[in-house]
Protein backbone atom coordinates (compact mmCIF):
# COMPACT_ATOMS: atom_id res chain seq x y z
CA MET A 1 -0.05 -0.01 0.03
CA SER A 2 1.51 3.37 -1.02
CA LYS A 3 1.59 6.17 1.37
CA THR A 4 0.00 9.53 0.89
CA LEU A 5 1.66 12.74 0.78
CA TYR A 6 -0.26 13.52 4.18
CA GLU A 7 1.76 10.44 5.67
CA THR A 8 5.18 11.08 4.12
CA ASP A 9 5.54 14.90 4.32
CA TYR A 10 3.02 16.68 6.34
CA LEU A 11 4.31 20.24 5.57
CA LYS A 12 4.25 19.59 1.86
CA TRP A 13 0.87 18.31 2.13
CA ILE A 14 -0.31 21.51 3.97
CA GLU A 15 1.40 23.64 1.19
CA THR A 16 -0.15 21.56 -1.60
CA THR A 17 -3.53 21.63 0.01
CA VAL A 18 -3.40 25.48 0.49
CA ALA A 19 -2.27 25.86 -3.09
CA LYS A 20 -5.12 23.77 -4.47
CA LEU A 21 -7.78 25.66 -2.31
CA ARG A 22 -6.39 28.98 -3.56
CA LEU A 23 -6.56 27.78 -7.19
CA GLY A 24 -10.17 26.41 -6.52
CA ASP A 25 -8.91 22.91 -7.49
CA TYR A 26 -11.46 21.32 -5.09
CA SER A 27 -11.68 17.97 -6.93
CA HIS A 28 -7.95 17.13 -5.93
CA ILE A 29 -8.28 18.06 -2.31
CA ASP A 30 -7.48 15.40 0.39
CA TRP A 31 -10.84 16.24 2.00
CA GLU A 32 -10.82 13.42 4.48
CA ASN A 33 -7.43 14.52 6.10
CA LEU A 34 -8.34 18.10 5.73
CA ILE A 35 -11.54 17.73 7.61
CA GLU A 36 -9.67 15.73 10.36
CA GLU A 37 -7.02 18.49 10.66
CA ILE A 38 -9.60 21.19 11.08
CA GLU A 39 -11.41 19.12 13.76
CA ASP A 40 -8.04 18.66 15.52
CA MET A 41 -7.40 22.43 15.51
CA GLY A 42 -10.55 22.94 17.44
CA LYS A 43 -9.54 20.29 19.94
CA SER A 44 -6.18 21.73 20.28
CA GLU A 45 -7.68 25.26 21.07
CA ARG A 46 -9.84 23.68 23.77
CA ARG A 47 -6.87 21.72 25.25
CA SER A 48 -4.76 24.81 25.42
CA LEU A 49 -7.54 26.72 27.23
CA GLU A 50 -7.94 23.98 29.72
CA SER A 51 -4.13 23.72 30.24
CA ASN A 52 -3.78 27.49 30.78
CA LEU A 53 -6.62 27.72 33.18
CA THR A 54 -5.35 24.73 35.16
CA VAL A 55 -1.89 26.50 35.38
CA ILE A 56 -3.42 29.77 36.67
CA MET A 57 -5.53 28.00 39.22
CA THR A 58 -2.62 25.94 40.47
CA HIS A 59 -0.52 29.08 41.06
CA LEU A 60 -3.29 30.93 42.66
CA LEU A 61 -3.73 28.06 45.04
CA LYS A 62 -0.01 27.96 45.83
CA TRP A 63 -0.02 31.86 46.20
CA GLN A 64 -2.91 31.53 48.77
CA TYR A 65 -1.87 28.49 50.66
CA GLN A 66 1.91 28.88 50.58
CA PRO A 67 2.39 32.56 51.02
CA GLU A 68 5.87 32.06 52.42
CA PHE A 69 7.01 30.80 48.95
CA ARG A 70 5.39 33.37 46.76
CA SER A 71 7.68 34.54 43.95
CA GLY A 72 7.96 36.67 40.89
CA SER A 73 8.03 33.54 38.71
CA TRP A 74 4.60 32.47 40.14
CA ARG A 75 3.20 35.88 39.41
CA GLY A 76 4.90 35.88 35.99
CA SER A 77 3.42 32.53 35.16
CA ILE A 78 -0.07 33.53 36.33
CA ASN A 79 0.32 36.69 34.12
CA GLU A 80 1.48 34.71 31.04
CA HIS A 81 -1.25 32.17 31.15
CA ARG A 82 -3.93 34.73 31.66
CA ARG A 83 -2.59 36.56 28.62
CA ARG A 84 -2.70 33.32 26.66
CA ILE A 85 -6.36 32.91 27.63
CA ARG A 86 -7.26 36.51 26.85
CA LYS A 87 -5.86 36.20 23.38
CA ALA A 88 -7.52 32.86 22.75
CA LEU A 89 -10.97 34.25 23.78
CA LYS A 90 -10.29 37.38 21.73
CA ASP A 91 -9.52 35.24 18.66
CA SER A 92 -12.24 32.62 19.39
CA PRO A 93 -15.15 34.08 21.43
CA SER A 94 -16.92 30.82 21.09
CA LEU A 95 -14.48 29.31 23.73
CA LYS A 96 -16.25 31.47 26.51
CA PRO A 97 -19.07 28.83 27.13
CA PHE A 98 -16.35 26.00 27.09
CA LEU A 99 -14.53 27.97 29.70
CA ALA A 100 -17.48 27.92 31.90
CA GLU A 101 -18.12 24.29 31.11
CA ILE A 102 -14.55 23.11 32.21
CA PHE A 103 -14.06 25.46 35.09
CA ALA A 104 -14.79 23.06 37.85
CA GLU A 105 -12.92 20.19 36.21
CA CYS A 106 -9.84 22.48 35.80
CA TYR A 107 -10.03 23.46 39.47
CA GLU A 108 -9.92 19.73 40.44
CA ASP A 109 -6.89 19.20 38.20
CA ALA A 110 -5.33 22.32 39.84
CA VAL A 111 -5.86 21.00 43.35
CA GLU A 112 -4.20 17.76 42.29
CA GLN A 113 -1.32 19.58 40.85
CA ALA A 114 -0.94 21.93 43.80
CA ILE A 115 -0.88 18.91 46.24
CA ALA A 116 1.89 17.39 44.17
CA GLU A 117 3.76 20.58 44.07
CA THR A 118 3.44 21.72 47.60
CA GLY A 119 3.13 18.58 49.57
CA LEU A 120 0.01 19.89 51.27
CA SER A 121 -2.94 17.67 51.99
CA VAL A 122 -6.16 17.66 50.10
CA GLU A 123 -7.93 18.84 53.20
CA VAL A 124 -6.09 22.29 52.85
CA PHE A 125 -7.72 23.21 49.61
CA PRO A 126 -11.57 24.04 49.37
CA GLU A 127 -13.69 21.41 47.58
CA ILE A 128 -15.23 24.00 45.37
CA CYS A 129 -13.12 26.71 43.58
CA PRO A 130 -13.00 29.68 45.87
CA TYR A 131 -12.32 32.07 42.92
CA SER A 132 -14.80 33.22 40.20
CA SER A 133 -13.84 32.94 36.65
CA GLU A 134 -13.71 36.67 36.57
CA GLU A 135 -11.09 36.64 39.38
CA VAL A 136 -9.05 33.81 37.69
CA LEU A 137 -8.80 35.77 34.50
CA SER A 138 -8.30 39.30 36.10
CA SER A 139 -4.90 40.64 35.91
CA GLU A 140 -5.56 42.53 39.13
CA PHE A 141 -6.49 39.44 41.26
CA LEU A 142 -4.33 37.60 43.53
CA PRO A 143 -5.74 35.86 46.60
CA GLU A 144 -4.46 36.77 50.02
C-alpha cells in the first residue's frame, strides 16, 4: 500500500492543499485529512484553554496556601497564562461557554497539581473553587 503525501511529508501536504484551495482545485483536495486536521485544530484550542486555566488556578492556590513561597516567577506564570487565555478568547469568542463548562474540572486538576507541588494535604484546599472565573482571569486578582 503506497503512502499518501499526508503521511510522508506533512508540511508539503499543507502547502499543496493550500495551493489547491487557492486555485479552486477542489476535486483534488484530500478532503478526509483536511477535515480531520480542522477538527483537531478545534480540539487543540480547547486543550490549550484547559491547560492555561489549570496552570493559573494551580498558581493561585499555591499563592494563597503557601504565601511564604510567593515569587515573581509564580506571578509571571499567572500573568502569562492569563494573557494566553485573553488572546484565545479574543480570537475565538466561542470558547467562552467552554471555559464555563470546564471551570470546575480544571479546578480539580489544579488542586491535584497543587498537592503534588506543595506537599500539602487535600484537606487544605476548598472542595469548590474559591475564585470566580472573573477573578481567575483578572490581571488585578491575587488571593491573600
